[in-house]
């Protein structure tokens, strides 16, 4: 698998999975920067998710992974940053479409909705899947219009 520079962040509800996914990413040879949080103490997810998305949008990282309890709020925050296409994925098939059809540069996962094994499998598929281009490129251009 190709290696990437990856920004990762979570709130308290995604902390456990963030640590496990980060360890897996590093073991696979990816370059990873952890934007926090650094414990399972209650915190506000925008404080950690927005910097991940901003770093990806600036081109400092090729991909971003954000994790929370459901992943919904995390995807919403990330998608507020121009240039970010973040999708909440709950199966490997959804992750495949997220990359192949939507050229997502940020993945959102919910620790309270899927097992750690599922989260790792989703991340694996998401990182390995290329954007198909073609008919999807026109749609991506429309998404990215101001």
N, C-alpha and C. Protein backbone atom coordinates (compact mmCIF):
# COMPACT_ATOMS: atom_id res chain seq x y z
N UNK A 1 0.84 -1.18 0.00
CA UNK A 1 0.00 0.00 0.00
C UNK A 1 0.89 1.25 0.00
N UNK A 2 0.46 2.25 -0.73
CA UNK A 2 1.13 3.54 -0.74
C UNK A 2 1.08 4.12 0.67
N UNK A 3 2.11 4.87 1.06
CA UNK A 3 2.08 5.52 2.36
C UNK A 3 1.70 6.99 2.19
N UNK A 4 1.09 7.54 3.22
CA UNK A 4 0.57 8.90 3.20
C UNK A 4 1.06 9.68 4.41
N UNK A 5 0.98 11.00 4.30
CA UNK A 5 1.09 11.86 5.47
C UNK A 5 -0.34 12.08 5.97
N UNK A 6 -0.56 11.78 7.23
CA UNK A 6 -1.92 11.74 7.76
C UNK A 6 -2.02 12.56 9.03
N UNK A 7 -3.01 13.45 9.07
CA UNK A 7 -3.37 14.18 10.28
C UNK A 7 -4.50 13.40 10.94
N UNK A 8 -4.43 13.25 12.26
CA UNK A 8 -5.46 12.50 12.97
C UNK A 8 -5.87 13.25 14.23
N UNK A 9 -7.15 13.18 14.56
CA UNK A 9 -7.63 13.84 15.77
C UNK A 9 -8.94 13.23 16.23
N UNK A 10 -9.21 13.43 17.50
CA UNK A 10 -10.44 12.90 18.08
C UNK A 10 -10.86 13.75 19.27
N UNK A 11 -12.08 13.49 19.71
CA UNK A 11 -12.49 13.99 21.02
C UNK A 11 -12.32 12.85 22.01
N UNK A 12 -12.82 13.03 23.22
CA UNK A 12 -12.69 12.00 24.26
C UNK A 12 -13.37 10.70 23.88
N UNK A 13 -14.49 10.79 23.15
CA UNK A 13 -15.25 9.59 22.79
C UNK A 13 -14.59 8.79 21.68
N UNK A 14 -13.62 9.37 21.01
CA UNK A 14 -12.89 8.67 19.96
C UNK A 14 -11.44 8.41 20.30
N UNK A 15 -11.05 8.77 21.52
CA UNK A 15 -9.64 8.69 21.92
C UNK A 15 -9.06 7.28 21.81
N UNK A 16 -9.77 6.28 22.29
CA UNK A 16 -9.26 4.90 22.28
C UNK A 16 -8.97 4.44 20.84
N UNK A 17 -9.92 4.68 19.94
CA UNK A 17 -9.73 4.27 18.55
C UNK A 17 -8.62 5.10 17.89
N UNK A 18 -8.55 6.38 18.22
CA UNK A 18 -7.50 7.22 17.64
C UNK A 18 -6.12 6.65 17.96
N UNK A 19 -5.94 6.27 19.20
CA UNK A 19 -4.64 5.73 19.61
C UNK A 19 -4.33 4.42 18.87
N UNK A 20 -5.33 3.57 18.73
CA UNK A 20 -5.13 2.28 18.05
C UNK A 20 -4.90 2.49 16.55
N UNK A 21 -5.67 3.37 15.93
CA UNK A 21 -5.50 3.63 14.50
C UNK A 21 -4.16 4.29 14.24
N UNK A 22 -3.77 5.22 15.09
CA UNK A 22 -2.47 5.88 14.95
C UNK A 22 -1.34 4.85 15.01
N UNK A 23 -1.40 3.94 15.97
CA UNK A 23 -0.36 2.90 16.10
C UNK A 23 -0.32 2.04 14.84
N UNK A 24 -1.49 1.66 14.32
CA UNK A 24 -1.55 0.86 13.10
C UNK A 24 -0.97 1.63 11.92
N UNK A 25 -1.34 2.90 11.77
CA UNK A 25 -0.83 3.71 10.67
C UNK A 25 0.69 3.80 10.70
N UNK A 26 1.24 4.04 11.87
CA UNK A 26 2.69 4.12 12.01
C UNK A 26 3.35 2.79 11.67
N UNK A 27 2.73 1.69 12.08
CA UNK A 27 3.29 0.36 11.78
C UNK A 27 3.27 0.06 10.29
N UNK A 28 2.38 0.73 9.55
CA UNK A 28 2.28 0.55 8.10
C UNK A 28 3.20 1.51 7.34
N UNK A 29 3.93 2.35 8.05
CA UNK A 29 4.87 3.25 7.41
C UNK A 29 4.36 4.64 7.08
N UNK A 30 3.13 4.96 7.48
CA UNK A 30 2.58 6.29 7.24
C UNK A 30 3.23 7.30 8.18
N UNK A 31 3.29 8.54 7.76
CA UNK A 31 3.71 9.64 8.63
C UNK A 31 2.44 10.21 9.25
N UNK A 32 2.41 10.30 10.58
CA UNK A 32 1.19 10.68 11.29
C UNK A 32 1.48 11.82 12.25
N UNK A 33 0.61 12.82 12.24
CA UNK A 33 0.63 13.86 13.28
C UNK A 33 -0.69 13.79 14.04
N UNK A 34 -0.59 13.67 15.33
CA UNK A 34 -1.75 13.58 16.22
C UNK A 34 -2.08 14.98 16.73
N UNK A 35 -3.28 15.46 16.40
CA UNK A 35 -3.73 16.78 16.82
C UNK A 35 -4.52 16.72 18.14
N UNK A 36 -4.54 15.55 18.79
CA UNK A 36 -5.24 15.40 20.07
C UNK A 36 -6.66 14.94 19.87
N UNK A 37 -7.32 14.75 20.91
CA UNK A 37 -7.06 14.96 22.31
C UNK A 37 -6.10 13.90 22.83
N UNK A 38 -5.60 14.13 24.03
CA UNK A 38 -4.59 13.24 24.58
C UNK A 38 -5.08 12.42 25.76
N UNK A 39 -6.39 12.33 25.93
CA UNK A 39 -6.95 11.50 27.00
C UNK A 39 -8.44 11.31 26.72
N UNK A 40 -9.07 10.53 27.60
CA UNK A 40 -10.51 10.34 27.45
C UNK A 40 -11.31 11.30 28.35
N UNK A 41 -10.65 12.36 28.83
CA UNK A 41 -11.34 13.39 29.60
C UNK A 41 -12.25 14.19 28.67
N UNK A 42 -13.43 14.53 29.12
CA UNK A 42 -14.41 15.25 28.31
C UNK A 42 -13.80 16.51 27.70
N UNK A 43 -14.10 16.72 26.42
CA UNK A 43 -13.59 17.88 25.69
C UNK A 43 -14.55 18.20 24.55
N UNK A 44 -14.29 19.28 23.86
CA UNK A 44 -15.12 19.70 22.73
C UNK A 44 -14.44 19.33 21.41
N UNK A 45 -15.10 18.49 20.62
CA UNK A 45 -14.48 17.96 19.41
C UNK A 45 -14.01 19.00 18.40
N UNK A 46 -14.67 20.16 18.24
CA UNK A 46 -14.16 21.11 17.25
C UNK A 46 -12.72 21.56 17.53
N UNK A 47 -12.34 21.58 18.82
CA UNK A 47 -11.00 22.02 19.19
C UNK A 47 -9.91 21.13 18.59
N UNK A 48 -10.23 19.88 18.29
CA UNK A 48 -9.24 18.94 17.78
C UNK A 48 -9.48 18.58 16.31
N UNK A 49 -10.71 18.65 15.88
CA UNK A 49 -11.05 18.26 14.50
C UNK A 49 -10.73 19.38 13.52
N UNK A 50 -11.07 20.61 13.87
CA UNK A 50 -10.81 21.74 12.97
C UNK A 50 -9.32 21.83 12.59
N UNK A 51 -8.38 21.73 13.53
CA UNK A 51 -6.98 21.79 13.13
C UNK A 51 -6.56 20.66 12.18
N UNK A 52 -7.14 19.48 12.33
CA UNK A 52 -6.86 18.38 11.40
C UNK A 52 -7.29 18.79 9.99
N UNK A 53 -8.53 19.24 9.87
CA UNK A 53 -9.07 19.61 8.56
C UNK A 53 -8.31 20.79 7.96
N UNK A 54 -7.96 21.77 8.78
CA UNK A 54 -7.21 22.91 8.26
C UNK A 54 -5.84 22.49 7.74
N UNK A 55 -5.17 21.59 8.43
CA UNK A 55 -3.86 21.12 8.00
C UNK A 55 -3.95 20.36 6.68
N UNK A 56 -5.00 19.56 6.50
CA UNK A 56 -5.20 18.85 5.24
C UNK A 56 -5.52 19.86 4.13
N UNK A 57 -6.39 20.80 4.42
CA UNK A 57 -6.77 21.80 3.41
C UNK A 57 -5.58 22.64 2.97
N UNK A 58 -4.65 22.92 3.88
CA UNK A 58 -3.44 23.69 3.54
C UNK A 58 -2.43 22.86 2.77
N UNK A 59 -2.65 21.55 2.67
CA UNK A 59 -1.73 20.69 1.95
C UNK A 59 -0.57 20.19 2.79
N UNK A 60 -0.63 20.39 4.09
CA UNK A 60 0.44 19.90 4.97
C UNK A 60 0.36 18.38 5.14
N UNK A 61 -0.83 17.82 4.94
CA UNK A 61 -1.06 16.38 5.03
C UNK A 61 -1.92 15.97 3.85
N UNK A 62 -1.69 14.74 3.37
CA UNK A 62 -2.45 14.24 2.23
C UNK A 62 -3.85 13.80 2.64
N UNK A 63 -3.98 13.27 3.83
CA UNK A 63 -5.27 12.75 4.30
C UNK A 63 -5.46 13.10 5.78
N UNK A 64 -6.72 13.07 6.20
CA UNK A 64 -7.06 13.28 7.60
C UNK A 64 -8.02 12.21 8.08
N UNK A 65 -7.89 11.85 9.34
CA UNK A 65 -8.82 10.91 9.97
C UNK A 65 -9.29 11.55 11.27
N UNK A 66 -10.61 11.64 11.42
CA UNK A 66 -11.20 12.23 12.62
C UNK A 66 -12.15 11.21 13.25
N UNK A 67 -12.16 11.18 14.58
CA UNK A 67 -12.90 10.14 15.28
C UNK A 67 -13.63 10.75 16.47
N UNK A 68 -14.86 10.33 16.64
CA UNK A 68 -15.67 10.75 17.79
C UNK A 68 -16.57 9.62 18.22
N UNK A 69 -17.58 9.94 19.00
CA UNK A 69 -18.53 8.92 19.43
C UNK A 69 -19.30 8.36 18.25
N UNK A 70 -19.94 9.25 17.50
CA UNK A 70 -20.68 8.81 16.30
C UNK A 70 -19.94 9.15 15.02
N UNK A 71 -19.08 10.15 15.07
CA UNK A 71 -18.39 10.62 13.88
C UNK A 71 -19.15 11.69 13.13
N UNK A 72 -20.41 11.92 13.49
CA UNK A 72 -21.22 12.91 12.79
C UNK A 72 -20.72 14.33 12.99
N UNK A 73 -20.56 14.74 14.24
CA UNK A 73 -20.09 16.10 14.51
C UNK A 73 -18.71 16.34 13.93
N UNK A 74 -17.87 15.33 13.99
CA UNK A 74 -16.52 15.44 13.45
C UNK A 74 -16.55 15.70 11.95
N UNK A 75 -17.40 14.96 11.23
CA UNK A 75 -17.53 15.17 9.78
C UNK A 75 -18.07 16.56 9.48
N UNK A 76 -19.02 17.03 10.28
CA UNK A 76 -19.59 18.36 10.07
C UNK A 76 -18.52 19.43 10.23
N UNK A 77 -17.75 19.35 11.31
CA UNK A 77 -16.69 20.34 11.54
C UNK A 77 -15.68 20.30 10.40
N UNK A 78 -15.22 19.13 10.03
CA UNK A 78 -14.22 19.03 8.97
C UNK A 78 -14.75 19.63 7.66
N UNK A 79 -16.00 19.35 7.35
CA UNK A 79 -16.57 19.83 6.08
C UNK A 79 -16.83 21.33 6.05
N UNK A 80 -16.70 22.00 7.17
CA UNK A 80 -16.82 23.47 7.19
C UNK A 80 -15.57 24.14 6.64
N UNK A 81 -14.49 23.37 6.51
CA UNK A 81 -13.23 23.93 6.01
C UNK A 81 -13.20 23.79 4.49
N UNK A 82 -13.06 24.91 3.76
CA UNK A 82 -13.00 24.82 2.29
C UNK A 82 -11.89 23.87 1.84
N UNK A 83 -12.24 23.04 0.87
CA UNK A 83 -11.28 22.08 0.32
C UNK A 83 -11.32 20.72 0.98
N UNK A 84 -12.09 20.58 2.03
CA UNK A 84 -12.21 19.28 2.71
C UNK A 84 -13.47 18.58 2.23
N UNK A 85 -13.31 17.30 1.94
CA UNK A 85 -14.43 16.41 1.63
C UNK A 85 -14.30 15.25 2.60
N UNK A 86 -15.05 15.33 3.68
CA UNK A 86 -14.98 14.34 4.75
C UNK A 86 -16.26 13.53 4.76
N UNK A 87 -16.10 12.21 4.79
CA UNK A 87 -17.27 11.34 4.86
C UNK A 87 -17.22 10.44 6.07
N UNK A 88 -18.37 10.27 6.68
CA UNK A 88 -18.54 9.34 7.79
C UNK A 88 -18.72 7.94 7.19
N UNK A 89 -17.85 7.02 7.55
CA UNK A 89 -17.91 5.67 6.99
C UNK A 89 -18.16 4.66 8.09
N UNK A 90 -19.05 3.70 7.81
CA UNK A 90 -19.41 2.68 8.79
C UNK A 90 -19.25 1.27 8.25
N UNK A 91 -18.89 1.14 6.97
CA UNK A 91 -18.56 -0.16 6.38
C UNK A 91 -17.42 0.04 5.40
N UNK A 92 -16.79 -1.05 5.03
CA UNK A 92 -15.72 -0.99 4.05
C UNK A 92 -16.26 -0.51 2.69
N UNK A 93 -17.47 -0.93 2.34
CA UNK A 93 -18.06 -0.52 1.06
C UNK A 93 -18.28 0.99 1.03
N UNK A 94 -18.77 1.55 2.13
CA UNK A 94 -18.97 3.00 2.18
C UNK A 94 -17.62 3.72 2.07
N UNK A 95 -16.59 3.18 2.69
CA UNK A 95 -15.25 3.77 2.59
C UNK A 95 -14.74 3.72 1.15
N UNK A 96 -14.99 2.63 0.46
CA UNK A 96 -14.58 2.51 -0.93
C UNK A 96 -15.26 3.59 -1.78
N UNK A 97 -16.57 3.76 -1.61
CA UNK A 97 -17.29 4.79 -2.36
C UNK A 97 -16.82 6.19 -1.96
N UNK A 98 -16.54 6.37 -0.68
CA UNK A 98 -16.09 7.66 -0.17
C UNK A 98 -14.85 8.14 -0.92
N UNK A 99 -13.96 7.23 -1.20
CA UNK A 99 -12.74 7.59 -1.93
C UNK A 99 -12.96 7.52 -3.44
N UNK A 100 -13.52 6.42 -3.95
CA UNK A 100 -13.59 6.23 -5.40
C UNK A 100 -14.56 7.19 -6.07
N UNK A 101 -15.65 7.55 -5.41
CA UNK A 101 -16.64 8.43 -6.02
C UNK A 101 -16.53 9.87 -5.54
N UNK A 102 -16.11 10.09 -4.30
CA UNK A 102 -16.13 11.44 -3.72
C UNK A 102 -14.75 12.05 -3.52
N UNK A 103 -13.69 11.30 -3.80
CA UNK A 103 -12.32 11.77 -3.63
C UNK A 103 -12.13 12.41 -2.25
N UNK A 104 -12.67 11.76 -1.22
CA UNK A 104 -12.59 12.29 0.14
C UNK A 104 -11.14 12.36 0.59
N UNK A 105 -10.81 13.47 1.25
CA UNK A 105 -9.47 13.62 1.80
C UNK A 105 -9.49 13.52 3.33
N UNK A 106 -10.66 13.27 3.87
CA UNK A 106 -10.79 13.13 5.31
C UNK A 106 -11.84 12.04 5.60
N UNK A 107 -11.51 11.17 6.54
CA UNK A 107 -12.36 10.06 6.94
C UNK A 107 -12.85 10.31 8.36
N UNK A 108 -14.14 10.13 8.59
CA UNK A 108 -14.70 10.24 9.94
C UNK A 108 -15.20 8.87 10.38
N UNK A 109 -14.90 8.53 11.63
CA UNK A 109 -15.30 7.26 12.22
C UNK A 109 -15.96 7.49 13.57
N UNK A 110 -16.90 6.60 13.93
CA UNK A 110 -17.58 6.69 15.21
C UNK A 110 -17.23 5.52 16.11
N UNK A 111 -16.54 5.80 17.20
CA UNK A 111 -16.12 4.73 18.12
C UNK A 111 -17.30 4.01 18.77
N UNK A 112 -18.40 4.71 18.94
CA UNK A 112 -19.57 4.09 19.59
C UNK A 112 -20.47 3.35 18.61
N UNK A 113 -20.10 3.34 17.33
CA UNK A 113 -20.98 2.75 16.32
C UNK A 113 -20.41 1.52 15.63
N UNK A 114 -19.09 1.35 15.68
CA UNK A 114 -18.44 0.22 15.01
C UNK A 114 -17.36 -0.34 15.92
N UNK A 115 -16.98 -1.58 15.67
CA UNK A 115 -15.90 -2.19 16.44
C UNK A 115 -14.55 -1.64 15.99
N UNK A 116 -13.54 -1.81 16.83
CA UNK A 116 -12.19 -1.39 16.45
C UNK A 116 -11.73 -2.14 15.20
N UNK A 117 -12.04 -3.42 15.11
CA UNK A 117 -11.67 -4.20 13.93
C UNK A 117 -12.31 -3.62 12.68
N UNK A 118 -13.57 -3.21 12.78
CA UNK A 118 -14.24 -2.58 11.63
C UNK A 118 -13.58 -1.24 11.29
N UNK A 119 -13.25 -0.46 12.31
CA UNK A 119 -12.62 0.84 12.07
C UNK A 119 -11.30 0.68 11.35
N UNK A 120 -10.50 -0.29 11.76
CA UNK A 120 -9.22 -0.53 11.10
C UNK A 120 -9.41 -1.02 9.67
N UNK A 121 -10.39 -1.89 9.45
CA UNK A 121 -10.67 -2.38 8.09
C UNK A 121 -11.14 -1.24 7.19
N UNK A 122 -11.97 -0.37 7.73
CA UNK A 122 -12.46 0.79 6.97
C UNK A 122 -11.30 1.69 6.61
N UNK A 123 -10.44 1.98 7.58
CA UNK A 123 -9.28 2.84 7.31
C UNK A 123 -8.37 2.22 6.26
N UNK A 124 -8.19 0.92 6.32
CA UNK A 124 -7.34 0.22 5.36
C UNK A 124 -7.90 0.37 3.94
N UNK A 125 -9.18 0.12 3.77
CA UNK A 125 -9.82 0.25 2.46
C UNK A 125 -9.77 1.70 1.99
N UNK A 126 -10.07 2.61 2.88
CA UNK A 126 -10.11 4.04 2.54
C UNK A 126 -8.75 4.52 2.04
N UNK A 127 -7.69 4.09 2.69
CA UNK A 127 -6.35 4.50 2.27
C UNK A 127 -5.92 3.84 0.97
N UNK A 128 -6.37 2.64 0.72
CA UNK A 128 -5.95 1.89 -0.47
C UNK A 128 -6.75 2.24 -1.72
N UNK A 129 -7.87 2.92 -1.58
CA UNK A 129 -8.76 3.18 -2.71
C UNK A 129 -8.40 4.48 -3.41
N UNK A 130 -8.28 4.39 -4.73
CA UNK A 130 -8.01 5.56 -5.56
C UNK A 130 -9.32 6.20 -6.02
N UNK A 131 -9.27 7.48 -6.32
CA UNK A 131 -10.40 8.19 -6.92
C UNK A 131 -10.56 7.74 -8.36
N UNK A 132 -11.78 7.41 -8.76
CA UNK A 132 -12.05 6.93 -10.11
C UNK A 132 -12.00 8.03 -11.16
N UNK A 133 -12.24 9.27 -10.78
CA UNK A 133 -12.29 10.35 -11.76
C UNK A 133 -13.50 10.19 -12.65
N UNK A 134 -13.31 10.42 -13.94
CA UNK A 134 -14.40 10.27 -14.91
C UNK A 134 -15.63 11.09 -14.54
N UNK A 135 -16.79 10.45 -14.57
CA UNK A 135 -18.05 11.14 -14.29
C UNK A 135 -18.08 11.76 -12.91
N UNK A 136 -17.28 11.22 -11.99
CA UNK A 136 -17.27 11.73 -10.62
C UNK A 136 -16.53 13.06 -10.52
N UNK A 137 -15.61 13.32 -11.44
CA UNK A 137 -14.82 14.55 -11.41
C UNK A 137 -15.71 15.78 -11.56
N UNK A 138 -16.68 15.73 -12.44
CA UNK A 138 -17.60 16.85 -12.63
C UNK A 138 -18.33 17.15 -11.33
N UNK A 139 -18.74 16.13 -10.62
CA UNK A 139 -19.47 16.29 -9.36
C UNK A 139 -18.56 16.90 -8.29
N UNK A 140 -17.33 16.45 -8.23
CA UNK A 140 -16.38 16.97 -7.26
C UNK A 140 -16.14 18.46 -7.52
N UNK A 141 -16.01 18.82 -8.77
CA UNK A 141 -15.83 20.26 -9.11
C UNK A 141 -17.02 21.08 -8.65
N UNK A 142 -18.22 20.53 -8.78
CA UNK A 142 -19.42 21.25 -8.32
C UNK A 142 -19.44 21.37 -6.79
N UNK A 143 -19.01 20.33 -6.10
CA UNK A 143 -18.93 20.39 -4.63
C UNK A 143 -17.97 21.50 -4.21
N UNK A 144 -16.85 21.58 -4.88
CA UNK A 144 -15.80 22.52 -4.48
C UNK A 144 -16.02 23.95 -4.97
N UNK A 145 -17.08 24.20 -5.72
CA UNK A 145 -17.37 25.57 -6.15
C UNK A 145 -17.72 26.43 -4.94
N UNK A 146 -17.26 27.69 -4.95
CA UNK A 146 -17.63 28.59 -3.83
C UNK A 146 -19.09 28.95 -3.86
